[in-house]
Amino acid sequence: MPVDVNSRYRALPSYEVHRADGVTTALPARVLPPIGALEMYNHRVTGVETIEYMAWRYFGSSASWWHIADANPLAFPLDYRPGATVQVPPARGVGRVLRTRSF
């Protein structure tokens, strides 16, 4: 199964699935990284916010919506309604400043 070079699955190992009709397909398997509950930010959805808007707000890119979807596996991303609480994982490295010299 070809995976696009821009896909988040591109660097992942594959496994084989044997279907009842005998066709074998290789599928990428993505294991979710463990995220501590204390690292999550609880965002209350307001107005007409979408998962893409929340991704843009917290990660700087609306294409990163799947990070929020992965952190909320029991909720369908298009079902977020005003008043709902959505867990947002930390943006690794975003906004972090490393000092390379001391004063």
PDB file of N, CA and C in Angstrom:
ATOM      1  N   MET A   1       0.850  -1.176   0.000  1.00  0.00           N
ATOM      2  CA  MET A   1       0.000   0.000   0.000  1.00  0.00           C
ATOM      3  C   MET A   1       0.894   1.237   0.000  1.00  0.00           C
ATOM      4  N   PRO A   2       0.866   2.032  -1.063  1.00  0.00           N
ATOM      5  CA  PRO A   2       1.720   3.208  -1.116  1.00  0.00           C
ATOM      6  C   PRO A   2       1.245   4.283  -0.137  1.00  0.00           C
ATOM      7  N   VAL A   3       2.204   4.951   0.458  1.00  0.00           N
ATOM      8  CA  VAL A   3       1.917   6.033   1.398  1.00  0.00           C
ATOM      9  C   VAL A   3       2.536   7.297   0.843  1.00  0.00           C
ATOM     10  N   ASP A   4       1.769   8.363   0.816  1.00  0.00           N
ATOM     11  CA  ASP A   4       2.230   9.646   0.293  1.00  0.00           C
ATOM     12  C   ASP A   4       3.407  10.160   1.118  1.00  0.00           C
ATOM     13  N   VAL A   5       4.347  10.858   0.478  1.00  0.00           N
ATOM     14  CA  VAL A   5       5.518  11.373   1.175  1.00  0.00           C
ATOM     15  C   VAL A   5       5.151  12.419   2.223  1.00  0.00           C
ATOM     16  N   ASN A   6       3.992  13.052   2.097  1.00  0.00           N
ATOM     17  CA  ASN A   6       3.554  14.050   3.066  1.00  0.00           C
ATOM     18  C   ASN A   6       2.724  13.445   4.195  1.00  0.00           C
ATOM     19  N   SER A   7       2.476  12.161   4.153  1.00  0.00           N
ATOM     20  CA  SER A   7       1.650  11.493   5.152  1.00  0.00           C
ATOM     21  C   SER A   7       2.376  11.361   6.481  1.00  0.00           C
ATOM     22  N   ARG A   8       1.631  11.463   7.581  1.00  0.00           N
ATOM     23  CA  ARG A   8       2.238  11.255   8.895  1.00  0.00           C
ATOM     24  C   ARG A   8       2.563   9.785   9.126  1.00  0.00           C
ATOM     25  N   TYR A   9       2.124   8.901   8.235  1.00  0.00           N
ATOM     26  CA  TYR A   9       2.382   7.467   8.333  1.00  0.00           C
ATOM     27  C   TYR A   9       3.620   7.028   7.556  1.00  0.00           C
ATOM     28  N   ARG A  10       4.283   7.936   6.843  1.00  0.00           N
ATOM     29  CA  ARG A  10       5.329   7.573   5.889  1.00  0.00           C
ATOM     30  C   ARG A  10       6.522   6.848   6.507  1.00  0.00           C
ATOM     31  N   ALA A  11       6.903   7.176   7.741  1.00  0.00           N
ATOM     32  CA  ALA A  11       8.101   6.577   8.329  1.00  0.00           C
ATOM     33  C   ALA A  11       7.790   5.392   9.242  1.00  0.00           C
ATOM     34  N   LEU A  12       6.580   4.900   9.190  1.00  0.00           N
ATOM     35  CA  LEU A  12       6.166   3.837  10.092  1.00  0.00           C
ATOM     36  C   LEU A  12       6.315   2.455   9.476  1.00  0.00           C
ATOM     37  N   PRO A  13       6.551   1.464  10.324  1.00  0.00           N
ATOM     38  CA  PRO A  13       6.623   0.090   9.806  1.00  0.00           C
ATOM     39  C   PRO A  13       5.248  -0.390   9.383  1.00  0.00           C
ATOM     40  N   SER A  14       5.219  -1.391   8.538  1.00  0.00           N
ATOM     41  CA  SER A  14       3.956  -1.933   8.048  1.00  0.00           C
ATOM     42  C   SER A  14       3.736  -3.330   8.597  1.00  0.00           C
ATOM     43  N   TYR A  15       2.509  -3.780   8.535  1.00  0.00           N
ATOM     44  CA  TYR A  15       2.189  -5.152   8.872  1.00  0.00           C
ATOM     45  C   TYR A  15       1.207  -5.671   7.841  1.00  0.00           C
ATOM     46  N   GLU A  16       1.091  -6.968   7.768  1.00  0.00           N
ATOM     47  CA  GLU A  16       0.252  -7.561   6.741  1.00  0.00           C
ATOM     48  C   GLU A  16      -1.091  -7.983   7.318  1.00  0.00           C
ATOM     49  N   VAL A  17      -2.130  -7.786   6.508  1.00  0.00           N
ATOM     50  CA  VAL A  17      -3.483  -8.175   6.887  1.00  0.00           C
ATOM     51  C   VAL A  17      -3.969  -9.198   5.872  1.00  0.00           C
ATOM     52  N   HIS A  18      -4.422 -10.339   6.355  1.00  0.00           N
ATOM     53  CA  HIS A  18      -4.925 -11.383   5.478  1.00  0.00           C
ATOM     54  C   HIS A  18      -6.447 -11.346   5.520  1.00  0.00           C
ATOM     55  N   ARG A  19      -7.042 -10.929   4.421  1.00  0.00           N
ATOM     56  CA  ARG A  19      -8.494 -10.843   4.345  1.00  0.00           C
ATOM     57  C   ARG A  19      -9.080 -12.189   3.951  1.00  0.00           C
ATOM     58  N   ALA A  20     -10.382 -12.310   4.131  1.00  0.00           N
ATOM     59  CA  ALA A  20     -11.074 -13.573   3.830  1.00  0.00           C
ATOM     60  C   ALA A  20     -10.955 -13.952   2.359  1.00  0.00           C
ATOM     61  N   ASP A  21     -10.845 -12.966   1.462  1.00  0.00           N
ATOM     62  CA  ASP A  21     -10.748 -13.274   0.035  1.00  0.00           C
ATOM     63  C   ASP A  21      -9.326 -13.612  -0.407  1.00  0.00           C
ATOM     64  N   GLY A  22      -8.399 -13.678   0.562  1.00  0.00           N
ATOM     65  CA  GLY A  22      -7.038 -14.089   0.263  1.00  0.00           C
ATOM     66  C   GLY A  22      -6.097 -12.974  -0.125  1.00  0.00           C
ATOM     67  N   VAL A  23      -6.574 -11.753  -0.234  1.00  0.00           N
ATOM     68  CA  VAL A  23      -5.733 -10.634  -0.621  1.00  0.00           C
ATOM     69  C   VAL A  23      -4.959 -10.148   0.600  1.00  0.00           C
ATOM     70  N   THR A  24      -3.664  -9.944   0.433  1.00  0.00           N
ATOM     71  CA  THR A  24      -2.828  -9.454   1.520  1.00  0.00           C
ATOM     72  C   THR A  24      -2.497  -7.993   1.262  1.00  0.00           C
ATOM     73  N   THR A  25      -2.714  -7.166   2.256  1.00  0.00           N
ATOM     74  CA  THR A  25      -2.471  -5.741   2.120  1.00  0.00           C
ATOM     75  C   THR A  25      -1.518  -5.282   3.214  1.00  0.00           C
ATOM     76  N   ALA A  26      -0.542  -4.456   2.890  1.00  0.00           N
ATOM     77  CA  ALA A  26       0.358  -3.890   3.885  1.00  0.00           C
ATOM     78  C   ALA A  26      -0.199  -2.542   4.324  1.00  0.00           C
ATOM     79  N   LEU A  27      -0.390  -2.385   5.607  1.00  0.00           N
ATOM     80  CA  LEU A  27      -0.941  -1.146   6.149  1.00  0.00           C
ATOM     81  C   LEU A  27       0.020  -0.533   7.163  1.00  0.00           C
ATOM     82  N   PRO A  28       0.164   0.777   7.150  1.00  0.00           N
ATOM     83  CA  PRO A  28       1.012   1.381   8.183  1.00  0.00           C
ATOM     84  C   PRO A  28       0.304   1.318   9.533  1.00  0.00           C
ATOM     85  N   ALA A  29       1.073   1.077  10.580  1.00  0.00           N
ATOM     86  CA  ALA A  29       0.526   1.042  11.932  1.00  0.00           C
ATOM     87  C   ALA A  29       1.171   2.167  12.728  1.00  0.00           C
ATOM     88  N   ARG A  30       0.355   3.034  13.268  1.00  0.00           N
ATOM     89  CA  ARG A  30       0.878   4.163  14.035  1.00  0.00           C
ATOM     90  C   ARG A  30       0.533   3.967  15.498  1.00  0.00           C
ATOM     91  N   VAL A  31       1.543   3.865  16.333  1.00  0.00           N
ATOM     92  CA  VAL A  31       1.353   3.705  17.771  1.00  0.00           C
ATOM     93  C   VAL A  31       1.331   5.089  18.397  1.00  0.00           C
ATOM     94  N   LEU A  32       0.317   5.356  19.209  1.00  0.00           N
ATOM     95  CA  LEU A  32       0.213   6.657  19.853  1.00  0.00           C
ATOM     96  C   LEU A  32       1.231   6.776  20.973  1.00  0.00           C
ATOM     97  N   PRO A  33       1.923   7.910  21.049  1.00  0.00           N
ATOM     98  CA  PRO A  33       2.867   8.084  22.145  1.00  0.00           C
ATOM     99  C   PRO A  33       2.121   8.284  23.455  1.00  0.00           C
ATOM    100  N   PRO A  34       2.677   7.783  24.563  1.00  0.00           N
ATOM    101  CA  PRO A  34       2.002   7.996  25.841  1.00  0.00           C
ATOM    102  C   PRO A  34       2.091   9.465  26.251  1.00  0.00           C
ATOM    103  N   ILE A  35       0.979  10.007  26.649  1.00  0.00           N
ATOM    104  CA  ILE A  35       0.923  11.397  27.084  1.00  0.00           C
ATOM    105  C   ILE A  35       0.342  11.404  28.487  1.00  0.00           C
ATOM    106  N   GLY A  36       1.064  11.971  29.418  1.00  0.00           N
ATOM    107  CA  GLY A  36       0.584  12.032  30.791  1.00  0.00           C
ATOM    108  C   GLY A  36      -0.642  12.916  30.907  1.00  0.00           C
ATOM    109  N   ALA A  37      -1.546  12.548  31.778  1.00  0.00           N
ATOM    110  CA  ALA A  37      -2.778  13.311  31.957  1.00  0.00           C
ATOM    111  C   ALA A  37      -2.499  14.731  32.433  1.00  0.00           C
ATOM    112  N   LEU A  38      -1.415  14.927  33.166  1.00  0.00           N
ATOM    113  CA  LEU A  38      -1.113  16.256  33.676  1.00  0.00           C
ATOM    114  C   LEU A  38      -0.627  17.199  32.586  1.00  0.00           C
ATOM    115  N   GLU A  39      -0.172  16.662  31.476  1.00  0.00           N
ATOM    116  CA  GLU A  39       0.334  17.495  30.390  1.00  0.00           C
ATOM    117  C   GLU A  39      -0.776  18.026  29.494  1.00  0.00           C
ATOM    118  N   MET A  40      -1.954  17.451  29.578  1.00  0.00           N
ATOM    119  CA  MET A  40      -3.054  17.847  28.705  1.00  0.00           C
ATOM    120  C   MET A  40      -3.648  19.184  29.145  1.00  0.00           C
ATOM    121  N   TYR A  41      -4.110  19.930  28.165  1.00  0.00           N
ATOM    122  CA  TYR A  41      -4.823  21.161  28.437  1.00  0.00           C
ATOM    123  C   TYR A  41      -6.289  20.914  28.097  1.00  0.00           C
ATOM    124  N   ASN A  42      -7.182  21.235  29.013  1.00  0.00           N
ATOM    125  CA  ASN A  42      -8.616  21.082  28.767  1.00  0.00           C
ATOM    126  C   ASN A  42      -9.146  22.364  28.148  1.00  0.00           C
ATOM    127  N   HIS A  43      -9.592  22.254  26.914  1.00  0.00           N
ATOM    128  CA  HIS A  43     -10.120  23.400  26.169  1.00  0.00           C
ATOM    129  C   HIS A  43     -11.637  23.290  26.101  1.00  0.00           C
ATOM    130  N   ARG A  44     -12.335  24.349  26.487  1.00  0.00           N
ATOM    131  CA  ARG A  44     -13.789  24.366  26.367  1.00  0.00           C
ATOM    132  C   ARG A  44     -14.139  24.990  25.021  1.00  0.00           C
ATOM    133  N   VAL A  45     -14.856  24.238  24.203  1.00  0.00           N
ATOM    134  CA  VAL A  45     -15.231  24.681  22.859  1.00  0.00           C
ATOM    135  C   VAL A  45     -16.254  25.806  22.977  1.00  0.00           C
ATOM    136  N   THR A  46     -16.015  26.882  22.232  1.00  0.00           N
ATOM    137  CA  THR A  46     -16.939  28.015  22.219  1.00  0.00           C
ATOM    138  C   THR A  46     -17.337  28.340  20.791  1.00  0.00           C
ATOM    139  N   GLY A  47     -18.495  28.920  20.641  1.00  0.00           N
ATOM    140  CA  GLY A  47     -18.955  29.401  19.335  1.00  0.00           C
ATOM    141  C   GLY A  47     -18.897  28.357  18.250  1.00  0.00           C
ATOM    142  N   VAL A  48     -18.235  28.700  17.177  1.00  0.00           N
ATOM    143  CA  VAL A  48     -18.169  27.809  16.015  1.00  0.00           C
ATOM    144  C   VAL A  48     -16.759  27.252  15.820  1.00  0.00           C
ATOM    145  N   GLU A  49     -16.031  27.017  16.913  1.00  0.00           N
ATOM    146  CA  GLU A  49     -14.682  26.468  16.808  1.00  0.00           C
ATOM    147  C   GLU A  49     -14.722  25.078  16.186  1.00  0.00           C
ATOM    148  N   THR A  50     -13.768  24.818  15.332  1.00  0.00           N
ATOM    149  CA  THR A  50     -13.612  23.498  14.731  1.00  0.00           C
ATOM    150  C   THR A  50     -12.302  22.902  15.218  1.00  0.00           C
ATOM    151  N   ILE A  51     -12.115  21.633  14.953  1.00  0.00           N
ATOM    152  CA  ILE A  51     -10.864  20.992  15.354  1.00  0.00           C
ATOM    153  C   ILE A  51      -9.684  21.602  14.594  1.00  0.00           C
ATOM    154  N   GLU A  52      -9.903  22.041  13.357  1.00  0.00           N
ATOM    155  CA  GLU A  52      -8.842  22.687  12.594  1.00  0.00           C
ATOM    156  C   GLU A  52      -8.456  24.031  13.219  1.00  0.00           C
ATOM    157  N   TYR A  53      -9.462  24.776  13.683  1.00  0.00           N
ATOM    158  CA  TYR A  53      -9.174  26.055  14.330  1.00  0.00           C
ATOM    159  C   TYR A  53      -8.380  25.839  15.612  1.00  0.00           C
ATOM    160  N   MET A  54      -8.779  24.840  16.419  1.00  0.00           N
ATOM    161  CA  MET A  54      -8.055  24.564  17.661  1.00  0.00           C
ATOM    162  C   MET A  54      -6.616  24.156  17.368  1.00  0.00           C
ATOM    163  N   ALA A  55      -6.405  23.364  16.312  1.00  0.00           N
ATOM    164  CA  ALA A  55      -5.048  22.963  15.934  1.00  0.00           C
ATOM    165  C   ALA A  55      -4.229  24.180  15.529  1.00  0.00           C
ATOM    166  N   TRP A  56      -4.827  25.076  14.769  1.00  0.00           N
ATOM    167  CA  TRP A  56      -4.118  26.302  14.370  1.00  0.00           C
ATOM    168  C   TRP A  56      -3.779  27.138  15.603  1.00  0.00           C
ATOM    169  N   ARG A  57      -4.723  27.231  16.527  1.00  0.00           N
ATOM    170  CA  ARG A  57      -4.526  28.037  17.735  1.00  0.00           C
ATOM    171  C   ARG A  57      -3.416  27.486  18.630  1.00  0.00           C
ATOM    172  N   TYR A  58      -3.390  26.176  18.831  1.00  0.00           N
ATOM    173  CA  TYR A  58      -2.437  25.582  19.756  1.00  0.00           C
ATOM    174  C   TYR A  58      -1.134  25.115  19.115  1.00  0.00           C
ATOM    175  N   PHE A  59      -1.174  24.735  17.836  1.00  0.00           N
ATOM    176  CA  PHE A  59       0.020  24.186  17.187  1.00  0.00           C
ATOM    177  C   PHE A  59       0.548  25.049  16.054  1.00  0.00           C
ATOM    178  N   GLY A  60      -0.215  26.065  15.651  1.00  0.00           N
ATOM    179  CA  GLY A  60       0.234  26.933  14.577  1.00  0.00           C
ATOM    180  C   GLY A  60      -0.045  26.404  13.187  1.00  0.00           C
ATOM    181  N   SER A  61      -0.751  25.284  13.084  1.00  0.00           N
ATOM    182  CA  SER A  61      -1.075  24.695  11.787  1.00  0.00           C
ATOM    183  C   SER A  61      -2.396  23.932  11.892  1.00  0.00           C
ATOM    184  N   SER A  62      -3.332  24.266  11.034  1.00  0.00           N
ATOM    185  CA  SER A  62      -4.617  23.567  11.052  1.00  0.00           C
ATOM    186  C   SER A  62      -4.472  22.122  10.596  1.00  0.00           C
ATOM    187  N   ALA A  63      -3.379  21.817   9.882  1.00  0.00           N
ATOM    188  CA  ALA A  63      -3.133  20.449   9.423  1.00  0.00           C
ATOM    189  C   ALA A  63      -2.764  19.516  10.575  1.00  0.00           C
ATOM    190  N   SER A  64      -2.518  20.049  11.753  1.00  0.00           N
ATOM    191  CA  SER A  64      -2.158  19.236  12.915  1.00  0.00           C
ATOM    192  C   SER A  64      -3.374  18.826  13.737  1.00  0.00           C
ATOM    193  N   TRP A  65      -4.556  18.888  13.138  1.00  0.00           N
ATOM    194  CA  TRP A  65      -5.802  18.563  13.837  1.00  0.00           C
ATOM    195  C   TRP A  65      -5.793  17.156  14.403  1.00  0.00           C
ATOM    196  N   TRP A  66      -5.076  16.247  13.760  1.00  0.00           N
ATOM    197  CA  TRP A  66      -5.070  14.851  14.186  1.00  0.00           C
ATOM    198  C   TRP A  66      -4.426  14.662  15.555  1.00  0.00           C
ATOM    199  N   HIS A  67      -3.565  15.601  16.003  1.00  0.00           N
ATOM    200  CA  HIS A  67      -3.013  15.514  17.362  1.00  0.00           C
ATOM    201  C   HIS A  67      -4.141  15.612  18.394  1.00  0.00           C
ATOM    202  N   ILE A  68      -5.070  16.506  18.150  1.00  0.00           N
ATOM    203  CA  ILE A  68      -6.213  16.674  19.058  1.00  0.00           C
ATOM    204  C   ILE A  68      -7.138  15.481  18.951  1.00  0.00           C
ATOM    205  N   ALA A  69      -7.358  14.994  17.733  1.00  0.00           N
ATOM    206  CA  ALA A  69      -8.222  13.824  17.543  1.00  0.00           C
ATOM    207  C   ALA A  69      -7.641  12.601  18.247  1.00  0.00           C
ATOM    208  N   ASP A  70      -6.331  12.413  18.184  1.00  0.00           N
ATOM    209  CA  ASP A  70      -5.692  11.280  18.859  1.00  0.00           C
ATOM    210  C   ASP A  70      -5.796  11.390  20.374  1.00  0.00           C
ATOM    211  N   ALA A  71      -5.793  12.612  20.897  1.00  0.00           N
ATOM    212  CA  ALA A  71      -5.884  12.808  22.346  1.00  0.00           C
ATOM    213  C   ALA A  71      -7.306  12.607  22.867  1.00  0.00           C
ATOM    214  N   ASN A  72      -8.286  12.578  21.967  1.00  0.00           N
ATOM    215  CA  ASN A  72      -9.694  12.408  22.335  1.00  0.00           C
ATOM    216  C   ASN A  72     -10.289  11.249  21.543  1.00  0.00           C
ATOM    217  N   PRO A  73      -9.835  10.013  21.800  1.00  0.00           N
ATOM    218  CA  PRO A  73     -10.235   8.890  20.948  1.00  0.00           C
ATOM    219  C   PRO A  73     -11.709   8.510  21.046  1.00  0.00           C
ATOM    220  N   LEU A  74     -12.405   8.915  22.090  1.00  0.00           N
ATOM    221  CA  LEU A  74     -13.805   8.521  22.252  1.00  0.00           C
ATOM    222  C   LEU A  74     -14.773   9.524  21.641  1.00  0.00           C
ATOM    223  N   ALA A  75     -14.259  10.591  21.051  1.00  0.00           N
ATOM    224  CA  ALA A  75     -15.119  11.615  20.460  1.00  0.00           C
ATOM    225  C   ALA A  75     -14.804  11.761  18.973  1.00  0.00           C
ATOM    226  N   PHE A  76     -15.838  11.818  18.157  1.00  0.00           N
ATOM    227  CA  PHE A  76     -15.650  12.047  16.724  1.00  0.00           C
ATOM    228  C   PHE A  76     -15.330  13.530  16.536  1.00  0.00           C
ATOM    229  N   PRO A  77     -14.238  13.875  15.845  1.00  0.00           N
ATOM    230  CA  PRO A  77     -13.789  15.271  15.766  1.00  0.00           C
ATOM    231  C   PRO A  77     -14.812  16.274  15.240  1.00  0.00           C
ATOM    232  N   LEU A  78     -15.748  15.830  14.415  1.00  0.00           N
ATOM    233  CA  LEU A  78     -16.738  16.768  13.887  1.00  0.00           C
ATOM    234  C   LEU A  78     -17.919  16.959  14.829  1.00  0.00           C
ATOM    235  N   ASP A  79     -17.934  16.212  15.934  1.00  0.00           N
ATOM    236  CA  ASP A  79     -19.033  16.313  16.893  1.00  0.00           C
ATOM    237  C   ASP A  79     -18.759  17.272  18.043  1.00  0.00           C
ATOM    238  N   TYR A  80     -17.640  17.994  18.028  1.00  0.00           N
ATOM    239  CA  TYR A  80     -17.370  18.941  19.107  1.00  0.00           C
ATOM    240  C   TYR A  80     -18.372  20.076  19.038  1.00  0.00           C
ATOM    241  N   ARG A  81     -19.093  20.297  20.108  1.00  0.00           N
ATOM    242  CA  ARG A  81     -20.129  21.329  20.177  1.00  0.00           C
ATOM    243  C   ARG A  81     -19.751  22.361  21.237  1.00  0.00           C
ATOM    244  N   PRO A  82     -20.278  23.573  21.157  1.00  0.00           N
ATOM    245  CA  PRO A  82     -20.000  24.576  22.188  1.00  0.00           C
ATOM    246  C   PRO A  82     -20.322  24.032  23.572  1.00  0.00           C
ATOM    247  N   GLY A  83     -19.395  24.260  24.491  1.00  0.00           N
ATOM    248  CA  GLY A  83     -19.550  23.776  25.852  1.00  0.00           C
ATOM    249  C   GLY A  83     -18.829  22.471  26.117  1.00  0.00           C
ATOM    250  N   ALA A  84     -18.462  21.743  25.065  1.00  0.00           N
ATOM    251  CA  ALA A  84     -17.749  20.472  25.228  1.00  0.00           C
ATOM    252  C   ALA A  84     -16.306  20.755  25.663  1.00  0.00           C
ATOM    253  N   THR A  85     -15.744  19.839  26.423  1.00  0.00           N
ATOM    254  CA  THR A  85     -14.348  19.946  26.839  1.00  0.00           C
ATOM    255  C   THR A  85     -13.516  19.000  25.987  1.00  0.00           C
ATOM    256  N   VAL A  86     -12.478  19.536  25.382  1.00  0.00           N
ATOM    257  CA  VAL A  86     -11.596  18.778  24.508  1.00  0.00           C
ATOM    258  C   VAL A  86     -10.199  18.826  25.112  1.00  0.00           C
ATOM    259  N   GLN A  87      -9.541  17.682  25.198  1.00  0.00           N
ATOM    260  CA  GLN A  87      -8.173  17.655  25.694  1.00  0.00           C
ATOM    261  C   GLN A  87      -7.212  17.960  24.558  1.00  0.00           C
ATOM    262  N   VAL A  88      -6.300  18.891  24.808  1.00  0.00           N
ATOM    263  CA  VAL A  88      -5.304  19.287  23.809  1.00  0.00           C
ATOM    264  C   VAL A  88      -3.937  18.864  24.328  1.00  0.00           C
ATOM    265  N   PRO A  89      -3.215  18.030  23.568  1.00  0.00           N
ATOM    266  CA  PRO A  89      -1.887  17.599  24.011  1.00  0.00           C
ATOM    267  C   PRO A  89      -0.890  18.751  23.910  1.00  0.00           C
ATOM    268  N   PRO A  90       0.226  18.630  24.609  1.00  0.00           N
ATOM    269  CA  PRO A  90       1.222  19.696  24.540  1.00  0.00           C
ATOM    270  C   PRO A  90       1.858  19.763  23.158  1.00  0.00           C
ATOM    271  N   ALA A  91       2.177  20.964  22.751  1.00  0.00           N
ATOM    272  CA  ALA A  91       2.875  21.168  21.478  1.00  0.00           C
ATOM    273  C   ALA A  91       4.352  21.013  21.758  1.00  0.00           C
ATOM    274  N   ARG A  92       4.894  19.896  21.415  1.00  0.00           N
ATOM    275  CA  ARG A  92       6.297  19.594  21.705  1.00  0.00           C
ATOM    276  C   ARG A  92       7.219  20.563  20.963  1.00  0.00           C
ATOM    277  N   GLY A  93       7.980  21.324  21.704  1.00  0.00           N
ATOM    278  CA  GLY A  93       8.962  22.213  21.102  1.00  0.00           C
ATOM    279  C   GLY A  93       8.414  23.539  20.629  1.00  0.00           C
ATOM    280  N   VAL A  94       7.103  23.702  20.544  1.00  0.00           N
ATOM    281  CA  VAL A  94       6.549  24.958  20.063  1.00  0.00           C
ATOM    282  C   VAL A  94       6.645  25.994  21.170  1.00  0.00           C
ATOM    283  N   GLY A  95       7.233  27.127  20.870  1.00  0.00           N
ATOM    284  CA  GLY A  95       7.343  28.203  21.842  1.00  0.00           C
ATOM    285  C   GLY A  95       8.441  28.005  22.870  1.00  0.00           C
ATOM    286  N   ARG A  96       9.236  26.978  22.720  1.00  0.00           N
ATOM    287  CA  ARG A  96      10.306  26.721  23.679  1.00  0.00           C
ATOM    288  C   ARG A  96      11.546  27.497  23.278  1.00  0.00           C
ATOM    289  N   VAL A  97      12.134  28.173  24.248  1.00  0.00           N
ATOM    290  CA  VAL A  97      13.335  28.959  23.989  1.00  0.00           C
ATOM    291  C   VAL A  97      14.503  28.306  24.708  1.00  0.00           C
ATOM    292  N   LEU A  98      15.543  28.011  23.970  1.00  0.00           N
ATOM    293  CA  LEU A  98      16.756  27.451  24.551  1.00  0.00           C
ATOM    294  C   LEU A  98      17.826  28.527  24.570  1.00  0.00           C
ATOM    295  N   ARG A  99      18.347  28.787  25.737  1.00  0.00           N
ATOM    296  CA  ARG A  99      19.414  29.782  25.859  1.00  0.00           C
ATOM    297  C   ARG A  99      20.748  29.099  25.623  1.00  0.00           C
ATOM    298  N   THR A 100      21.538  29.672  24.739  1.00  0.00           N
ATOM    299  CA  THR A 100      22.826  29.064  24.414  1.00  0.00           C
ATOM    300  C   THR A 100      23.979  29.779  25.082  1.00  0.00           C
ATOM    301  N   ARG A 101      23.690  30.849  25.792  1.00  0.00           N
ATOM    302  CA  ARG A 101      24.764  31.560  26.491  1.00  0.00           C
ATOM    303  C   ARG A 101      24.206  32.096  27.811  1.00  0.00           C
ATOM    304  N   SER A 102      25.051  32.346  28.738  1.00  0.00           N
ATOM    305  CA  SER A 102      24.613  32.881  30.022  1.00  0.00           C
ATOM    306  C   SER A 102      25.110  34.322  30.164  1.00  0.00           C
ATOM    307  N   PHE A 103      24.452  35.064  31.029  1.00  0.00           N
ATOM    308  CA  PHE A 103      24.830  36.474  31.230  1.00  0.00           C
ATOM    309  C   PHE A 103      25.588  36.634  32.512  1.00  0.00           C
TER     310      PHE A 103
END
